Amino acid sequence: EFETARKAASESEDDLLEEAVRTVREYRHASISLLQRRLKVGYSRAARLMDQMEARNIVGPADG
C-alpha cells in the first residue's frame, strides 16, 4: 500500500515536470515565478522543478 502511494506520487511529480518543460518551451522563458503562476505551485516546488530541468540540461544555470 505504501509502495503504491509512493509510485503514484512519483508519477504525479513526473507529470508536473513534463508540464513545466512544456510551459518553458511555450513561453521561451524559464523562471520560478512563471512556473508558480502557470502550474499553480508554491515557490519551493517551482524551484525544485527548475533544479530538475537544469539537471536535465533543459534550462541553463540561473543568471542571478
PDB file of N, CA and C in Angstrom:
ATOM      1  N   GLU A   1       0.834  -1.197   0.000  1.00  0.00           N
ATOM      2  CA  GLU A   1       0.000   0.000   0.000  1.00  0.00           C
ATOM      3  C   GLU A   1       0.874   1.255   0.000  1.00  0.00           C
ATOM      4  N   PHE A   2       1.888   1.285   0.866  1.00  0.00           N
ATOM      5  CA  PHE A   2       2.803   2.430   0.905  1.00  0.00           C
ATOM      6  C   PHE A   2       3.536   2.575  -0.420  1.00  0.00           C
ATOM      7  N   GLU A   3       3.996   1.452  -0.964  1.00  0.00           N
ATOM      8  CA  GLU A   3       4.725   1.473  -2.240  1.00  0.00           C
ATOM      9  C   GLU A   3       3.840   1.990  -3.367  1.00  0.00           C
ATOM     10  N   THR A   4       2.586   1.620  -3.369  1.00  0.00           N
ATOM     11  CA  THR A   4       1.640   2.096  -4.387  1.00  0.00           C
ATOM     12  C   THR A   4       1.459   3.603  -4.285  1.00  0.00           C
ATOM     13  N   ALA A   5       1.334   4.116  -3.075  1.00  0.00           N
ATOM     14  CA  ALA A   5       1.175   5.557  -2.866  1.00  0.00           C
ATOM     15  C   ALA A   5       2.434   6.300  -3.307  1.00  0.00           C
ATOM     16  N   ARG A   6       3.590   5.726  -3.002  1.00  0.00           N
ATOM     17  CA  ARG A   6       4.851   6.349  -3.397  1.00  0.00           C
ATOM     18  C   ARG A   6       4.997   6.393  -4.917  1.00  0.00           C
ATOM     19  N   LYS A   7       4.615   5.315  -5.573  1.00  0.00           N
ATOM     20  CA  LYS A   7       4.688   5.256  -7.030  1.00  0.00           C
ATOM     21  C   LYS A   7       3.739   6.272  -7.659  1.00  0.00           C
ATOM     22  N   ALA A   8       2.544   6.419  -7.107  1.00  0.00           N
ATOM     23  CA  ALA A   8       1.569   7.390  -7.615  1.00  0.00           C
ATOM     24  C   ALA A   8       2.092   8.815  -7.448  1.00  0.00           C
ATOM     25  N   ALA A   9       2.714   9.097  -6.309  1.00  0.00           N
ATOM     26  CA  ALA A   9       3.277  10.429  -6.072  1.00  0.00           C
ATOM     27  C   ALA A   9       4.407  10.712  -7.057  1.00  0.00           C
ATOM     28  N   SER A  10       5.224   9.714  -7.326  1.00  0.00           N
ATOM     29  CA  SER A  10       6.326   9.872  -8.270  1.00  0.00           C
ATOM     30  C   SER A  10       5.802  10.155  -9.679  1.00  0.00           C
ATOM     31  N   GLU A  11       4.763   9.451 -10.085  1.00  0.00           N
ATOM     32  CA  GLU A  11       4.170   9.677 -11.406  1.00  0.00           C
ATOM     33  C   GLU A  11       3.569  11.073 -11.495  1.00  0.00           C
ATOM     34  N   SER A  12       2.962  11.532 -10.408  1.00  0.00           N
ATOM     35  CA  SER A  12       2.380  12.870 -10.372  1.00  0.00           C
ATOM     36  C   SER A  12       3.473  13.926 -10.522  1.00  0.00           C
ATOM     37  N   GLU A  13       4.606  13.712  -9.862  1.00  0.00           N
ATOM     38  CA  GLU A  13       5.734  14.639  -9.976  1.00  0.00           C
ATOM     39  C   GLU A  13       6.305  14.632 -11.387  1.00  0.00           C
ATOM     40  N   ASP A  14       6.369  13.449 -12.013  1.00  0.00           N
ATOM     41  CA  ASP A  14       6.844  13.360 -13.394  1.00  0.00           C
ATOM     42  C   ASP A  14       5.921  14.135 -14.327  1.00  0.00           C
ATOM     43  N   ASP A  15       4.608  14.024 -14.112  1.00  0.00           N
ATOM     44  CA  ASP A  15       3.638  14.761 -14.924  1.00  0.00           C
ATOM     45  C   ASP A  15       3.843  16.263 -14.762  1.00  0.00           C
ATOM     46  N   LEU A  16       4.090  16.700 -13.534  1.00  0.00           N
ATOM     47  CA  LEU A  16       4.293  18.123 -13.277  1.00  0.00           C
ATOM     48  C   LEU A  16       5.582  18.612 -13.943  1.00  0.00           C
ATOM     49  N   LEU A  17       6.621  17.799 -13.916  1.00  0.00           N
ATOM     50  CA  LEU A  17       7.870  18.169 -14.586  1.00  0.00           C
ATOM     51  C   LEU A  17       7.642  18.293 -16.091  1.00  0.00           C
ATOM     52  N   GLU A  18       6.913  17.366 -16.673  1.00  0.00           N
ATOM     53  CA  GLU A  18       6.607  17.446 -18.104  1.00  0.00           C
ATOM     54  C   GLU A  18       5.831  18.720 -18.419  1.00  0.00           C
ATOM     55  N   GLU A  19       4.888  19.075 -17.564  1.00  0.00           N
ATOM     56  CA  GLU A  19       4.113  20.303 -17.756  1.00  0.00           C
ATOM     57  C   GLU A  19       5.018  21.532 -17.632  1.00  0.00           C
ATOM     58  N   ALA A  20       5.970  21.485 -16.712  1.00  0.00           N
ATOM     59  CA  ALA A  20       6.921  22.593 -16.553  1.00  0.00           C
ATOM     60  C   ALA A  20       7.767  22.757 -17.815  1.00  0.00           C
ATOM     61  N   VAL A  21       8.225  21.655 -18.378  1.00  0.00           N
ATOM     62  CA  VAL A  21       9.022  21.708 -19.610  1.00  0.00           C
ATOM     63  C   VAL A  21       8.190  22.300 -20.743  1.00  0.00           C
ATOM     64  N   ARG A  22       6.949  21.859 -20.880  1.00  0.00           N
ATOM     65  CA  ARG A  22       6.071  22.412 -21.924  1.00  0.00           C
ATOM     66  C   ARG A  22       5.874  23.915 -21.733  1.00  0.00           C
ATOM     67  N   THR A  23       5.698  24.328 -20.484  1.00  0.00           N
ATOM     68  CA  THR A  23       5.485  25.747 -20.186  1.00  0.00           C
ATOM     69  C   THR A  23       6.702  26.576 -20.569  1.00  0.00           C
ATOM     70  N   VAL A  24       7.873  26.118 -20.193  1.00  0.00           N
ATOM     71  CA  VAL A  24       9.113  26.843 -20.510  1.00  0.00           C
ATOM     72  C   VAL A  24       9.302  26.939 -22.025  1.00  0.00           C
ATOM     73  N   ARG A  25       9.018  25.864 -22.727  1.00  0.00           N
ATOM     74  CA  ARG A  25       9.165  25.883 -24.191  1.00  0.00           C
ATOM     75  C   ARG A  25       8.140  26.809 -24.836  1.00  0.00           C
ATOM     76  N   GLU A  26       6.918  26.795 -24.318  1.00  0.00           N
ATOM     77  CA  GLU A  26       5.867  27.648 -24.875  1.00  0.00           C
ATOM     78  C   GLU A  26       6.197  29.128 -24.702  1.00  0.00           C
ATOM     79  N   TYR A  27       6.654  29.503 -23.505  1.00  0.00           N
ATOM     80  CA  TYR A  27       6.930  30.909 -23.211  1.00  0.00           C
ATOM     81  C   TYR A  27       8.349  31.327 -23.585  1.00  0.00           C
ATOM     82  N   ARG A  28       9.193  30.350 -23.943  1.00  0.00           N
ATOM     83  CA  ARG A  28      10.595  30.618 -24.305  1.00  0.00           C
ATOM     84  C   ARG A  28      11.305  31.413 -23.212  1.00  0.00           C
ATOM     85  N   HIS A  29      10.958  31.065 -21.987  1.00  0.00           N
ATOM     86  CA  HIS A  29      11.487  31.770 -20.818  1.00  0.00           C
ATOM     87  C   HIS A  29      11.338  30.829 -19.629  1.00  0.00           C
ATOM     88  N   ALA A  30      12.325  30.797 -18.773  1.00  0.00           N
ATOM     89  CA  ALA A  30      12.257  29.936 -17.595  1.00  0.00           C
ATOM     90  C   ALA A  30      12.467  30.769 -16.343  1.00  0.00           C
ATOM     91  N   SER A  31      11.490  30.739 -15.461  1.00  0.00           N
ATOM     92  CA  SER A  31      11.648  31.398 -14.167  1.00  0.00           C
ATOM     93  C   SER A  31      10.756  30.704 -13.151  1.00  0.00           C
ATOM     94  N   ILE A  32      11.154  30.826 -11.914  1.00  0.00           N
ATOM     95  CA  ILE A  32      10.364  30.241 -10.839  1.00  0.00           C
ATOM     96  C   ILE A  32       8.988  30.881 -10.797  1.00  0.00           C
ATOM     97  N   SER A  33       8.928  32.190 -10.970  1.00  0.00           N
ATOM     98  CA  SER A  33       7.628  32.869 -10.896  1.00  0.00           C
ATOM     99  C   SER A  33       6.702  32.437 -12.035  1.00  0.00           C
ATOM    100  N   LEU A  34       7.245  32.188 -13.222  1.00  0.00           N
ATOM    101  CA  LEU A  34       6.420  31.696 -14.328  1.00  0.00           C
ATOM    102  C   LEU A  34       5.812  30.343 -13.972  1.00  0.00           C
ATOM    103  N   LEU A  35       6.630  29.454 -13.438  1.00  0.00           N
ATOM    104  CA  LEU A  35       6.121  28.135 -13.057  1.00  0.00           C
ATOM    105  C   LEU A  35       5.089  28.241 -11.944  1.00  0.00           C
ATOM    106  N   GLN A  36       5.320  29.126 -10.988  1.00  0.00           N
ATOM    107  CA  GLN A  36       4.345  29.314  -9.910  1.00  0.00           C
ATOM    108  C   GLN A  36       2.990  29.730 -10.476  1.00  0.00           C
ATOM    109  N   ARG A  37       2.998  30.698 -11.364  1.00  0.00           N
ATOM    110  CA  ARG A  37       1.736  31.219 -11.919  1.00  0.00           C
ATOM    111  C   ARG A  37       1.047  30.206 -12.816  1.00  0.00           C
ATOM    112  N   ARG A  38       1.778  29.611 -13.730  1.00  0.00           N
ATOM    113  CA  ARG A  38       1.169  28.728 -14.726  1.00  0.00           C
ATOM    114  C   ARG A  38       0.798  27.360 -14.169  1.00  0.00           C
ATOM    115  N   LEU A  39       1.610  26.825 -13.258  1.00  0.00           N
ATOM    116  CA  LEU A  39       1.351  25.484 -12.724  1.00  0.00           C
ATOM    117  C   LEU A  39       0.620  25.520 -11.386  1.00  0.00           C
ATOM    118  N   LYS A  40       0.435  26.730 -10.853  1.00  0.00           N
ATOM    119  CA  LYS A  40      -0.244  26.906  -9.564  1.00  0.00           C
ATOM    120  C   LYS A  40       0.424  26.083  -8.454  1.00  0.00           C
ATOM    121  N   VAL A  41       1.751  26.290  -8.346  1.00  0.00           N
ATOM    122  CA  VAL A  41       2.533  25.640  -7.296  1.00  0.00           C
ATOM    123  C   VAL A  41       3.223  26.715  -6.471  1.00  0.00           C
ATOM    124  N   GLY A  42       3.725  26.337  -5.325  1.00  0.00           N
ATOM    125  CA  GLY A  42       4.436  27.266  -4.462  1.00  0.00           C
ATOM    126  C   GLY A  42       5.880  27.459  -4.901  1.00  0.00           C
ATOM    127  N   TYR A  43       6.555  28.363  -4.192  1.00  0.00           N
ATOM    128  CA  TYR A  43       7.940  28.692  -4.529  1.00  0.00           C
ATOM    129  C   TYR A  43       8.855  27.466  -4.465  1.00  0.00           C
ATOM    130  N   SER A  44       8.757  26.697  -3.381  1.00  0.00           N
ATOM    131  CA  SER A  44       9.658  25.552  -3.200  1.00  0.00           C
ATOM    132  C   SER A  44       9.507  24.533  -4.319  1.00  0.00           C
ATOM    133  N   ARG A  45       8.273  24.225  -4.688  1.00  0.00           N
ATOM    134  CA  ARG A  45       8.026  23.240  -5.750  1.00  0.00           C
ATOM    135  C   ARG A  45       8.528  23.770  -7.093  1.00  0.00           C
ATOM    136  N   ALA A  46       8.264  25.042  -7.373  1.00  0.00           N
ATOM    137  CA  ALA A  46       8.724  25.640  -8.627  1.00  0.00           C
ATOM    138  C   ALA A  46      10.254  25.650  -8.689  1.00  0.00           C
ATOM    139  N   ALA A  47      10.904  25.945  -7.581  1.00  0.00           N
ATOM    140  CA  ALA A  47      12.370  25.944  -7.540  1.00  0.00           C
ATOM    141  C   ALA A  47      12.914  24.536  -7.772  1.00  0.00           C
ATOM    142  N   ARG A  48      12.278  23.529  -7.184  1.00  0.00           N
ATOM    143  CA  ARG A  48      12.697  22.140  -7.408  1.00  0.00           C
ATOM    144  C   ARG A  48      12.540  21.752  -8.879  1.00  0.00           C
ATOM    145  N   LEU A  49      11.441  22.185  -9.494  1.00  0.00           N
ATOM    146  CA  LEU A  49      11.237  21.907 -10.922  1.00  0.00           C
ATOM    147  C   LEU A  49      12.339  22.551 -11.761  1.00  0.00           C
ATOM    148  N   MET A  50      12.703  23.787 -11.427  1.00  0.00           N
ATOM    149  CA  MET A  50      13.791  24.459 -12.145  1.00  0.00           C
ATOM    150  C   MET A  50      15.097  23.679 -11.972  1.00  0.00           C
ATOM    151  N   ASP A  51      15.377  23.225 -10.752  1.00  0.00           N
ATOM    152  CA  ASP A  51      16.587  22.433 -10.496  1.00  0.00           C
ATOM    153  C   ASP A  51      16.584  21.148 -11.324  1.00  0.00           C
ATOM    154  N   GLN A  52      15.427  20.486 -11.390  1.00  0.00           N
ATOM    155  CA  GLN A  52      15.327  19.247 -12.171  1.00  0.00           C
ATOM    156  C   GLN A  52      15.554  19.528 -13.657  1.00  0.00           C
ATOM    157  N   MET A  53      14.998  20.611 -14.157  1.00  0.00           N
ATOM    158  CA  MET A  53      15.187  20.947 -15.572  1.00  0.00           C
ATOM    159  C   MET A  53      16.637  21.320 -15.855  1.00  0.00           C
ATOM    160  N   GLU A  54      17.284  22.004 -14.917  1.00  0.00           N
ATOM    161  CA  GLU A  54      18.700  22.339 -15.085  1.00  0.00           C
ATOM    162  C   GLU A  54      19.553  21.073 -15.092  1.00  0.00           C
ATOM    163  N   ALA A  55      19.242  20.130 -14.214  1.00  0.00           N
ATOM    164  CA  ALA A  55      19.992  18.873 -14.152  1.00  0.00           C
ATOM    165  C   ALA A  55      19.853  18.073 -15.446  1.00  0.00           C
ATOM    166  N   ARG A  56      18.738  18.244 -16.134  1.00  0.00           N
ATOM    167  CA  ARG A  56      18.497  17.546 -17.403  1.00  0.00           C
ATOM    168  C   ARG A  56      18.905  18.398 -18.615  1.00  0.00           C
ATOM    169  N   ASN A  57      19.574  19.519 -18.360  1.00  0.00           N
ATOM    170  CA  ASN A  57      20.038  20.438 -19.416  1.00  0.00           C
ATOM    171  C   ASN A  57      18.904  20.977 -20.281  1.00  0.00           C
ATOM    172  N   ILE A  58      17.730  21.138 -19.691  1.00  0.00           N
ATOM    173  CA  ILE A  58      16.595  21.739 -20.392  1.00  0.00           C
ATOM    174  C   ILE A  58      16.698  23.253 -20.286  1.00  0.00           C
ATOM    175  N   VAL A  59      17.172  23.727 -19.142  1.00  0.00           N
ATOM    176  CA  VAL A  59      17.436  25.152 -18.934  1.00  0.00           C
ATOM    177  C   VAL A  59      18.873  25.289 -18.452  1.00  0.00           C
ATOM    178  N   GLY A  60      19.425  26.473 -18.634  1.00  0.00           N
ATOM    179  CA  GLY A  60      20.781  26.736 -18.166  1.00  0.00           C
ATOM    180  C   GLY A  60      20.775  27.155 -16.707  1.00  0.00           C
ATOM    181  N   PRO A  61      21.948  27.376 -16.139  1.00  0.00           N
ATOM    182  CA  PRO A  61      22.032  27.815 -14.747  1.00  0.00           C
ATOM    183  C   PRO A  61      21.439  29.215 -14.576  1.00  0.00           C
ATOM    184  N   ALA A  62      21.056  29.521 -13.357  1.00  0.00           N
ATOM    185  CA  ALA A  62      20.462  30.829 -13.051  1.00  0.00           C
ATOM    186  C   ALA A  62      21.470  31.945 -13.301  1.00  0.00           C
ATOM    187  N   ASP A  63      20.971  33.087 -13.772  1.00  0.00           N
ATOM    188  CA  ASP A  63      21.834  34.248 -14.017  1.00  0.00           C
ATOM    189  C   ASP A  63      22.192  34.978 -12.732  1.00  0.00           C
ATOM    190  N   GLY A  64      21.257  34.999 -11.781  1.00  0.00           N
ATOM    191  CA  GLY A  64      21.407  35.801 -10.572  1.00  0.00           C
ATOM    192  C   GLY A  64      22.297  35.180  -9.604  1.00  0.00           C
TER     193      GLY A  64
END
